[in-house]
Amino acid sequence: MKESKKVLTSKDISAMAYRSAFLQASFNYERMQAGGWTLAMLPALEKIYKDDKQGLAAAMTDNMQFINTHPTLVPFLMTLLLSLEENGADRNLIKGIKVGLFGPLAGIGDAIFWFTVLPIMAGISSSFALEGNVLGPILFFAVYVAIFFMRFPLAKAGYELGTTALDSLRESSKKLSRAATILGTTVIGALAAAYVHITLLPTITINEGVTISIQEAFIDKIFPNLLPLVYVFTMFYFIRVKKVSPTVLILVTIVMTIVLSFLGIL
């Protein structure tokens, strides 16, 4: 573990908060927001690691791994991790906290902003607009601007939390790393079950005019979401063991989906 030394300034944190607005500027299904995440973090990481090319490479490698979180709350997580990077925290702890928190932050952000604040403000603003009151669009735009600028105090809060909690994190780094890894694995498992859908179309006839779905009657009754689980672990096997490019697997999935759909299986 490298020596604890504070190198980031308030200006660095604010600059990173601004760059976090480009989180989704580079978006793909292999790494989701990782490109924008790394863009926001890189200048601060370069300042932290200076001439330590191996340390910088390890940090960048971690940052280019899959991440999908809320664009407004993401500065909090970014600066929390930067404070740990700055103070030489264990790499597994940093990775575990990132994986463990990006999912919950996404859920919290969606619930607060997309499902509560903005719909309510849209209703209020629309009422003004229908009456011909210019306050309607101005009010909605003002709320959007306020949400954007929330990233700056969130960035400072994340950095301060990481700095003040560093001693406690160091004392229990192994336990926290394991707990964060378990939480992250649970989140990824939940995402797989929620986003991967495989439905078999074939049916069987049990009585005249009565048919039942093979998937509903047999597979889902015995082991719900078995097919998505098998698919996810198959993809994991090819990526982790066979070192197959995710892009190749995406193309294979598309081709298989078209073929199986044409055959009436999916």
C-alpha atoms as a PDB file:
ATOM      1  CA  MET A   1       0.000   0.000   0.000  1.00  0.00           C
ATOM      2  CA  LYS A   2       1.466   3.329  -0.965  1.00  0.00           C
ATOM      3  CA  GLU A   3       1.916   6.140   1.509  1.00  0.00           C
ATOM      4  CA  SER A   4      -1.181   8.210   2.263  1.00  0.00           C
ATOM      5  CA  LYS A   5      -0.843  11.630   0.698  1.00  0.00           C
ATOM      6  CA  LYS A   6      -3.515  14.088  -0.306  1.00  0.00           C
ATOM      7  CA  VAL A   7      -2.818  15.375  -3.802  1.00  0.00           C
ATOM      8  CA  LEU A   8      -6.246  16.303  -5.147  1.00  0.00           C
ATOM      9  CA  THR A   9      -7.558  19.818  -4.639  1.00  0.00           C
ATOM     10  CA  SER A  10     -11.080  21.206  -4.533  1.00  0.00           C
ATOM     11  CA  LYS A  11     -10.548  22.378  -8.124  1.00  0.00           C
ATOM     12  CA  ASP A  12      -9.683  18.815  -9.190  1.00  0.00           C
ATOM     13  CA  ILE A  13     -12.849  17.470  -7.575  1.00  0.00           C
ATOM     14  CA  SER A  14     -15.014  20.148  -9.226  1.00  0.00           C
ATOM     15  CA  ALA A  15     -13.416  19.469 -12.619  1.00  0.00           C
ATOM     16  CA  MET A  16     -14.122  15.763 -12.230  1.00  0.00           C
ATOM     17  CA  ALA A  17     -17.737  16.535 -11.276  1.00  0.00           C
ATOM     18  CA  TYR A  18     -18.099  18.544 -14.486  1.00  0.00           C
ATOM     19  CA  ARG A  19     -16.575  15.770 -16.613  1.00  0.00           C
ATOM     20  CA  SER A  20     -18.972  13.286 -15.041  1.00  0.00           C
ATOM     21  CA  ALA A  21     -21.704  14.916 -17.146  1.00  0.00           C
ATOM     22  CA  PHE A  22     -20.186  13.011 -20.098  1.00  0.00           C
ATOM     23  CA  LEU A  23     -20.739   9.654 -18.378  1.00  0.00           C
ATOM     24  CA  GLN A  24     -22.938   8.371 -21.197  1.00  0.00           C
ATOM     25  CA  ALA A  25     -21.094  10.039 -24.075  1.00  0.00           C
ATOM     26  CA  SER A  26     -19.331   6.739 -24.784  1.00  0.00           C
ATOM     27  CA  PHE A  27     -21.890   3.971 -24.321  1.00  0.00           C
ATOM     28  CA  ASN A  28     -21.848   0.342 -25.425  1.00  0.00           C
ATOM     29  CA  TYR A  29     -23.412  -2.938 -24.353  1.00  0.00           C
ATOM     30  CA  GLU A  30     -20.071  -4.493 -23.406  1.00  0.00           C
ATOM     31  CA  ARG A  31     -19.021  -1.937 -20.784  1.00  0.00           C
ATOM     32  CA  MET A  32     -22.057   0.397 -20.665  1.00  0.00           C
ATOM     33  CA  GLN A  33     -20.799   3.712 -19.144  1.00  0.00           C
ATOM     34  CA  ALA A  34     -17.166   2.678 -18.602  1.00  0.00           C
ATOM     35  CA  GLY A  35     -15.777   4.970 -21.315  1.00  0.00           C
ATOM     36  CA  GLY A  36     -17.367   8.106 -19.876  1.00  0.00           C
ATOM     37  CA  TRP A  37     -16.501   6.973 -16.346  1.00  0.00           C
ATOM     38  CA  THR A  38     -12.821   6.659 -17.232  1.00  0.00           C
ATOM     39  CA  LEU A  39     -12.850  10.001 -19.050  1.00  0.00           C
ATOM     40  CA  ALA A  40     -14.071  11.700 -15.874  1.00  0.00           C
ATOM     41  CA  MET A  41     -11.640   9.886 -13.574  1.00  0.00           C
ATOM     42  CA  LEU A  42      -8.474   9.878 -15.697  1.00  0.00           C
ATOM     43  CA  PRO A  43      -7.024  13.376 -15.002  1.00  0.00           C
ATOM     44  CA  ALA A  44      -7.351  12.827 -11.249  1.00  0.00           C
ATOM     45  CA  LEU A  45      -5.840   9.346 -11.504  1.00  0.00           C
ATOM     46  CA  GLU A  46      -2.913  10.716 -13.515  1.00  0.00           C
ATOM     47  CA  LYS A  47      -2.295  13.279 -10.787  1.00  0.00           C
ATOM     48  CA  ILE A  48      -2.508  10.643  -8.056  1.00  0.00           C
ATOM     49  CA  TYR A  49      -0.170   8.114  -9.666  1.00  0.00           C
ATOM     50  CA  LYS A  50       2.206  10.546 -11.412  1.00  0.00           C
ATOM     51  CA  ASP A  51       5.127   8.373 -12.619  1.00  0.00           C
ATOM     52  CA  ASP A  52       3.652   5.106 -11.321  1.00  0.00           C
ATOM     53  CA  LYS A  53       2.620   3.688 -14.697  1.00  0.00           C
ATOM     54  CA  GLN A  54       1.710   0.270 -13.314  1.00  0.00           C
ATOM     55  CA  GLY A  55      -0.560   1.778 -10.662  1.00  0.00           C
ATOM     56  CA  LEU A  56      -2.246   3.996 -13.239  1.00  0.00           C
ATOM     57  CA  ALA A  57      -2.678   1.070 -15.628  1.00  0.00           C
ATOM     58  CA  ALA A  58      -4.294  -1.033 -12.881  1.00  0.00           C
ATOM     59  CA  ALA A  59      -6.677   1.794 -11.983  1.00  0.00           C
ATOM     60  CA  MET A  60      -7.615   2.407 -15.629  1.00  0.00           C
ATOM     61  CA  THR A  61      -8.156  -1.319 -16.202  1.00  0.00           C
ATOM     62  CA  ASP A  62     -10.596  -1.412 -13.292  1.00  0.00           C
ATOM     63  CA  ASN A  63     -12.361   1.709 -14.524  1.00  0.00           C
ATOM     64  CA  MET A  64     -12.896   0.259 -17.989  1.00  0.00           C
ATOM     65  CA  GLN A  65     -14.881  -2.644 -16.567  1.00  0.00           C
ATOM     66  CA  PHE A  66     -18.674  -2.759 -16.773  1.00  0.00           C
ATOM     67  CA  ILE A  67     -20.540  -0.038 -14.891  1.00  0.00           C
ATOM     68  CA  ASN A  68     -24.086   1.243 -15.164  1.00  0.00           C
ATOM     69  CA  THR A  69     -25.228   3.792 -12.596  1.00  0.00           C
ATOM     70  CA  HIS A  70     -27.141   7.068 -12.280  1.00  0.00           C
ATOM     71  CA  PRO A  71     -25.624  10.068 -14.128  1.00  0.00           C
ATOM     72  CA  THR A  72     -26.495  12.561 -11.374  1.00  0.00           C
ATOM     73  CA  LEU A  73     -25.320  10.530  -8.383  1.00  0.00           C
ATOM     74  CA  VAL A  74     -22.202   9.133 -10.086  1.00  0.00           C
ATOM     75  CA  PRO A  75     -19.821  11.935  -8.860  1.00  0.00           C
ATOM     76  CA  PHE A  76     -20.389  10.732  -5.293  1.00  0.00           C
ATOM     77  CA  LEU A  77     -19.115   7.256  -6.160  1.00  0.00           C
ATOM     78  CA  MET A  78     -16.300   8.609  -8.338  1.00  0.00           C
ATOM     79  CA  THR A  79     -14.807  10.820  -5.649  1.00  0.00           C
ATOM     80  CA  LEU A  80     -15.327   8.198  -2.959  1.00  0.00           C
ATOM     81  CA  LEU A  81     -13.160   5.853  -5.017  1.00  0.00           C
ATOM     82  CA  LEU A  82     -10.666   8.615  -5.862  1.00  0.00           C
ATOM     83  CA  SER A  83     -10.108   9.272  -2.163  1.00  0.00           C
ATOM     84  CA  LEU A  84      -9.322   5.571  -1.726  1.00  0.00           C
ATOM     85  CA  GLU A  85      -7.009   5.594  -4.769  1.00  0.00           C
ATOM     86  CA  GLU A  86      -5.262   8.667  -3.389  1.00  0.00           C
ATOM     87  CA  ASN A  87      -4.611   6.988  -0.043  1.00  0.00           C
ATOM     88  CA  GLY A  88      -3.439   3.681  -1.480  1.00  0.00           C
ATOM     89  CA  ALA A  89      -6.398   1.523  -0.439  1.00  0.00           C
ATOM     90  CA  ASP A  90      -6.439  -2.138  -1.432  1.00  0.00           C
ATOM     91  CA  ARG A  91      -7.319  -2.609  -5.112  1.00  0.00           C
ATOM     92  CA  ASN A  92      -9.870  -5.324  -4.333  1.00  0.00           C
ATOM     93  CA  LEU A  93     -11.594  -3.033  -1.843  1.00  0.00           C
ATOM     94  CA  ILE A  94     -11.851  -0.273  -4.455  1.00  0.00           C
ATOM     95  CA  LYS A  95     -13.239  -2.685  -7.050  1.00  0.00           C
ATOM     96  CA  GLY A  96     -15.653  -4.200  -4.559  1.00  0.00           C
ATOM     97  CA  ILE A  97     -17.064  -0.845  -3.454  1.00  0.00           C
ATOM     98  CA  LYS A  98     -17.497   0.239  -7.070  1.00  0.00           C
ATOM     99  CA  VAL A  99     -19.338  -2.939  -8.062  1.00  0.00           C
ATOM    100  CA  GLY A 100     -21.331  -2.982  -4.837  1.00  0.00           C
ATOM    101  CA  LEU A 101     -22.556   0.613  -4.998  1.00  0.00           C
ATOM    102  CA  PHE A 102     -23.178   1.417  -8.662  1.00  0.00           C
ATOM    103  CA  GLY A 103     -26.386  -0.658  -8.741  1.00  0.00           C
ATOM    104  CA  PRO A 104     -27.978   0.759  -5.559  1.00  0.00           C
ATOM    105  CA  LEU A 105     -27.056   4.309  -6.603  1.00  0.00           C
ATOM    106  CA  ALA A 106     -28.762   3.720  -9.952  1.00  0.00           C
ATOM    107  CA  GLY A 107     -31.912   2.520  -8.198  1.00  0.00           C
ATOM    108  CA  ILE A 108     -31.934   5.439  -5.754  1.00  0.00           C
ATOM    109  CA  GLY A 109     -31.297   8.003  -8.500  1.00  0.00           C
ATOM    110  CA  ASP A 110     -33.983   6.603 -10.782  1.00  0.00           C
ATOM    111  CA  ALA A 111     -36.528   6.550  -7.951  1.00  0.00           C
ATOM    112  CA  ILE A 112     -35.780  10.111  -6.844  1.00  0.00           C
ATOM    113  CA  PHE A 113     -35.239  11.908 -10.142  1.00  0.00           C
ATOM    114  CA  TRP A 114     -36.839   9.991 -13.028  1.00  0.00           C
ATOM    115  CA  PHE A 115     -39.853   8.591 -11.137  1.00  0.00           C
ATOM    116  CA  THR A 116     -40.561  11.326  -8.581  1.00  0.00           C
ATOM    117  CA  VAL A 117     -39.074  14.799  -8.979  1.00  0.00           C
ATOM    118  CA  LEU A 118     -39.183  15.200 -12.757  1.00  0.00           C
ATOM    119  CA  PRO A 119     -42.659  13.661 -13.314  1.00  0.00           C
ATOM    120  CA  ILE A 120     -44.106  15.887 -10.567  1.00  0.00           C
ATOM    121  CA  MET A 121     -42.408  18.973 -11.984  1.00  0.00           C
ATOM    122  CA  ALA A 122     -43.517  18.011 -15.490  1.00  0.00           C
ATOM    123  CA  GLY A 123     -47.133  17.907 -14.286  1.00  0.00           C
ATOM    124  CA  ILE A 124     -46.857  21.270 -12.534  1.00  0.00           C
ATOM    125  CA  SER A 125     -45.042  22.870 -15.481  1.00  0.00           C
ATOM    126  CA  SER A 126     -47.551  21.469 -17.951  1.00  0.00           C
ATOM    127  CA  SER A 127     -50.398  23.013 -15.974  1.00  0.00           C
ATOM    128  CA  PHE A 128     -48.748  26.426 -16.215  1.00  0.00           C
ATOM    129  CA  ALA A 129     -47.985  25.914 -19.906  1.00  0.00           C
ATOM    130  CA  LEU A 130     -51.597  24.934 -20.740  1.00  0.00           C
ATOM    131  CA  GLU A 131     -52.708  28.246 -19.252  1.00  0.00           C
ATOM    132  CA  GLY A 132     -50.231  30.079 -21.446  1.00  0.00           C
ATOM    133  CA  ASN A 133     -47.969  30.914 -18.513  1.00  0.00           C
ATOM    134  CA  VAL A 134     -44.289  31.101 -19.516  1.00  0.00           C
ATOM    135  CA  LEU A 135     -43.375  30.037 -15.991  1.00  0.00           C
ATOM    136  CA  GLY A 136     -44.119  26.422 -17.007  1.00  0.00           C
ATOM    137  CA  PRO A 137     -41.074  25.718 -19.238  1.00  0.00           C
ATOM    138  CA  ILE A 138     -38.872  28.019 -17.157  1.00  0.00           C
ATOM    139  CA  LEU A 139     -39.696  26.124 -13.976  1.00  0.00           C
ATOM    140  CA  PHE A 140     -39.026  22.737 -15.548  1.00  0.00           C
ATOM    141  CA  PHE A 141     -35.749  23.925 -17.048  1.00  0.00           C
ATOM    142  CA  ALA A 142     -34.695  25.403 -13.695  1.00  0.00           C
ATOM    143  CA  VAL A 143     -35.261  22.054 -11.979  1.00  0.00           C
ATOM    144  CA  TYR A 144     -33.192  20.283 -14.644  1.00  0.00           C
ATOM    145  CA  VAL A 145     -30.365  22.793 -14.160  1.00  0.00           C
ATOM    146  CA  ALA A 146     -30.545  22.334 -10.380  1.00  0.00           C
ATOM    147  CA  ILE A 147     -30.266  18.561 -10.806  1.00  0.00           C
ATOM    148  CA  PHE A 148     -27.209  19.050 -13.023  1.00  0.00           C
ATOM    149  CA  PHE A 149     -25.440  21.244 -10.456  1.00  0.00           C
ATOM    150  CA  MET A 150     -26.132  18.743  -7.674  1.00  0.00           C
ATOM    151  CA  ARG A 151     -23.179  16.752  -8.977  1.00  0.00           C
ATOM    152  CA  PHE A 152     -20.720  19.297  -7.505  1.00  0.00           C
ATOM    153  CA  PRO A 153     -21.723  19.019  -3.813  1.00  0.00           C
ATOM    154  CA  LEU A 154     -22.181  15.270  -4.291  1.00  0.00           C
ATOM    155  CA  ALA A 155     -18.603  15.011  -5.573  1.00  0.00           C
ATOM    156  CA  LYS A 156     -17.238  16.878  -2.558  1.00  0.00           C
ATOM    157  CA  ALA A 157     -19.345  14.761  -0.178  1.00  0.00           C
ATOM    158  CA  GLY A 158     -18.045  11.523  -1.686  1.00  0.00           C
ATOM    159  CA  TYR A 159     -14.434  12.678  -1.432  1.00  0.00           C
ATOM    160  CA  GLU A 160     -14.796  13.818   2.176  1.00  0.00           C
ATOM    161  CA  LEU A 161     -16.539  10.581   3.139  1.00  0.00           C
ATOM    162  CA  GLY A 162     -13.765   8.501   1.603  1.00  0.00           C
ATOM    163  CA  THR A 163     -11.080  10.548   3.359  1.00  0.00           C
ATOM    164  CA  THR A 164     -12.665  10.493   6.820  1.00  0.00           C
ATOM    165  CA  ALA A 165     -13.619   6.834   6.618  1.00  0.00           C
ATOM    166  CA  LEU A 166     -10.219   5.705   5.340  1.00  0.00           C
ATOM    167  CA  ASP A 167      -8.850   4.521   8.705  1.00  0.00           C
ATOM    168  CA  SER A 168     -11.952   2.437   9.375  1.00  0.00           C
ATOM    169  CA  LEU A 169     -11.841   1.056   5.854  1.00  0.00           C
ATOM    170  CA  ARG A 170      -8.203   0.073   6.252  1.00  0.00           C
ATOM    171  CA  GLU A 171      -8.843  -1.692   9.558  1.00  0.00           C
ATOM    172  CA  SER A 172     -11.597  -3.824   8.097  1.00  0.00           C
ATOM    173  CA  SER A 173     -10.611  -3.787   4.433  1.00  0.00           C
ATOM    174  CA  LYS A 174     -10.804  -7.576   3.994  1.00  0.00           C
ATOM    175  CA  LYS A 175     -14.278  -7.800   5.492  1.00  0.00           C
ATOM    176  CA  LEU A 176     -15.524  -4.789   3.545  1.00  0.00           C
ATOM    177  CA  SER A 177     -13.973  -6.068   0.342  1.00  0.00           C
ATOM    178  CA  ARG A 178     -15.676  -9.440   0.782  1.00  0.00           C
ATOM    179  CA  ALA A 179     -19.005  -7.828   1.712  1.00  0.00           C
ATOM    180  CA  ALA A 180     -18.839  -5.427  -1.239  1.00  0.00           C
ATOM    181  CA  THR A 181     -17.947  -8.287  -3.577  1.00  0.00           C
ATOM    182  CA  ILE A 182     -20.909 -10.337  -2.344  1.00  0.00           C
ATOM    183  CA  LEU A 183     -23.218  -7.357  -2.734  1.00  0.00           C
ATOM    184  CA  GLY A 184     -21.858  -6.659  -6.213  1.00  0.00           C
ATOM    185  CA  THR A 185     -22.320 -10.284  -7.243  1.00  0.00           C
ATOM    186  CA  THR A 186     -25.896 -10.157  -5.972  1.00  0.00           C
ATOM    187  CA  VAL A 187     -26.563  -6.974  -7.928  1.00  0.00           C
ATOM    188  CA  ILE A 188     -25.120  -8.447 -11.126  1.00  0.00           C
ATOM    189  CA  GLY A 189     -27.187 -11.604 -10.593  1.00  0.00           C
ATOM    190  CA  ALA A 190     -30.335  -9.536 -10.154  1.00  0.00           C
ATOM    191  CA  LEU A 191     -29.525  -7.537 -13.284  1.00  0.00           C
ATOM    192  CA  ALA A 192     -29.099 -10.755 -15.259  1.00  0.00           C
ATOM    193  CA  ALA A 193     -32.467 -12.075 -14.086  1.00  0.00           C
ATOM    194  CA  ALA A 194     -34.161  -8.750 -14.816  1.00  0.00           C
ATOM    195  CA  TYR A 195     -32.664  -8.000 -18.237  1.00  0.00           C
ATOM    196  CA  VAL A 196     -32.124 -11.431 -19.817  1.00  0.00           C
ATOM    197  CA  HIS A 197     -35.375 -12.900 -21.122  1.00  0.00           C
ATOM    198  CA  ILE A 198     -35.578 -16.218 -22.979  1.00  0.00           C
ATOM    199  CA  THR A 199     -39.009 -17.613 -23.816  1.00  0.00           C
ATOM    200  CA  LEU A 200     -39.531 -20.941 -25.558  1.00  0.00           C
ATOM    201  CA  LEU A 201     -42.512 -20.999 -27.916  1.00  0.00           C
ATOM    202  CA  PRO A 202     -43.102 -24.753 -28.407  1.00  0.00           C
ATOM    203  CA  THR A 203     -46.218 -26.175 -26.729  1.00  0.00           C
ATOM    204  CA  ILE A 204     -47.608 -29.646 -26.145  1.00  0.00           C
ATOM    205  CA  THR A 205     -51.207 -30.819 -26.399  1.00  0.00           C
ATOM    206  CA  ILE A 206     -52.523 -32.669 -23.344  1.00  0.00           C
ATOM    207  CA  ASN A 207     -56.176 -32.862 -24.329  1.00  0.00           C
ATOM    208  CA  GLU A 208     -58.090 -32.032 -27.446  1.00  0.00           C
ATOM    209  CA  GLY A 209     -57.855 -28.285 -27.883  1.00  0.00           C
ATOM    210  CA  VAL A 210     -55.799 -27.829 -24.703  1.00  0.00           C
ATOM    211  CA  THR A 211     -52.140 -26.895 -25.066  1.00  0.00           C
ATOM    212  CA  ILE A 212     -49.568 -25.839 -22.527  1.00  0.00           C
ATOM    213  CA  SER A 213     -46.237 -24.104 -22.892  1.00  0.00           C
ATOM    214  CA  ILE A 214     -43.208 -26.324 -22.370  1.00  0.00           C
ATOM    215  CA  GLN A 215     -41.370 -23.515 -20.605  1.00  0.00           C
ATOM    216  CA  GLU A 216     -44.211 -22.572 -18.250  1.00  0.00           C
ATOM    217  CA  ALA A 217     -45.242 -26.156 -17.467  1.00  0.00           C
ATOM    218  CA  PHE A 218     -41.816 -27.702 -16.999  1.00  0.00           C
ATOM    219  CA  ILE A 219     -38.843 -25.321 -16.911  1.00  0.00           C
ATOM    220  CA  ASP A 220     -40.278 -22.361 -14.956  1.00  0.00           C
ATOM    221  CA  LYS A 221     -42.159 -24.604 -12.527  1.00  0.00           C
ATOM    222  CA  ILE A 222     -39.007 -26.498 -11.608  1.00  0.00           C
ATOM    223  CA  PHE A 223     -36.381 -23.752 -11.886  1.00  0.00           C
ATOM    224  CA  PRO A 224     -37.623 -20.205 -12.676  1.00  0.00           C
ATOM    225  CA  ASN A 225     -35.252 -18.196 -14.896  1.00  0.00           C
ATOM    226  CA  LEU A 226     -33.188 -21.292 -15.634  1.00  0.00           C
ATOM    227  CA  LEU A 227     -32.671 -20.343 -19.289  1.00  0.00           C
ATOM    228  CA  PRO A 228     -31.354 -16.818 -18.534  1.00  0.00           C
ATOM    229  CA  LEU A 229     -29.054 -18.341 -15.898  1.00  0.00           C
ATOM    230  CA  VAL A 230     -27.666 -20.887 -18.354  1.00  0.00           C
ATOM    231  CA  TYR A 231     -27.180 -18.198 -20.995  1.00  0.00           C
ATOM    232  CA  VAL A 232     -25.370 -15.819 -18.615  1.00  0.00           C
ATOM    233  CA  PHE A 233     -22.997 -18.517 -17.324  1.00  0.00           C
ATOM    234  CA  THR A 234     -22.352 -19.697 -20.877  1.00  0.00           C
ATOM    235  CA  MET A 235     -21.371 -16.163 -21.903  1.00  0.00           C
ATOM    236  CA  PHE A 236     -19.251 -15.863 -18.756  1.00  0.00           C
ATOM    237  CA  TYR A 237     -17.470 -19.115 -19.629  1.00  0.00           C
ATOM    238  CA  PHE A 238     -16.619 -17.972 -23.144  1.00  0.00           C
ATOM    239  CA  ILE A 239     -15.422 -14.550 -21.954  1.00  0.00           C
ATOM    240  CA  ARG A 240     -13.471 -15.682 -18.885  1.00  0.00           C
ATOM    241  CA  VAL A 241     -12.132 -19.087 -19.947  1.00  0.00           C
ATOM    242  CA  LYS A 242     -12.078 -19.035 -23.742  1.00  0.00           C
ATOM    243  CA  LYS A 243     -11.224 -15.307 -23.937  1.00  0.00           C
ATOM    244  CA  VAL A 244     -13.828 -14.702 -26.640  1.00  0.00           C
ATOM    245  CA  SER A 245     -14.548 -11.052 -27.430  1.00  0.00           C
ATOM    246  CA  PRO A 246     -17.916  -9.821 -26.050  1.00  0.00           C
ATOM    247  CA  THR A 247     -18.576  -8.250 -29.442  1.00  0.00           C
ATOM    248  CA  VAL A 248     -18.314 -11.680 -31.082  1.00  0.00           C
ATOM    249  CA  LEU A 249     -20.681 -13.150 -28.496  1.00  0.00           C
ATOM    250  CA  ILE A 250     -23.184 -10.340 -29.099  1.00  0.00           C
ATOM    251  CA  LEU A 251     -23.128 -11.049 -32.850  1.00  0.00           C
ATOM    252  CA  VAL A 252     -23.497 -14.800 -32.230  1.00  0.00           C
ATOM    253  CA  THR A 253     -26.442 -14.104 -29.920  1.00  0.00           C
ATOM    254  CA  ILE A 254     -28.143 -11.967 -32.562  1.00  0.00           C
ATOM    255  CA  VAL A 255     -27.669 -14.640 -35.248  1.00  0.00           C
ATOM    256  CA  MET A 256     -28.890 -17.428 -32.943  1.00  0.00           C
ATOM    257  CA  THR A 257     -31.923 -15.383 -31.959  1.00  0.00           C
ATOM    258  CA  ILE A 258     -32.883 -14.812 -35.599  1.00  0.00           C
ATOM    259  CA  VAL A 259     -32.390 -18.485 -36.519  1.00  0.00           C
ATOM    260  CA  LEU A 260     -34.264 -19.865 -33.486  1.00  0.00           C
ATOM    261  CA  SER A 261     -37.056 -17.354 -34.013  1.00  0.00           C
ATOM    262  CA  PHE A 262     -37.363 -18.413 -37.664  1.00  0.00           C
ATOM    263  CA  LEU A 263     -37.564 -22.060 -36.530  1.00  0.00           C
ATOM    264  CA  GLY A 264     -40.300 -21.205 -34.057  1.00  0.00           C
ATOM    265  CA  ILE A 265     -38.268 -22.101 -30.986  1.00  0.00           C
ATOM    266  CA  LEU A 266     -38.024 -18.553 -29.553  1.00  0.00           C
END
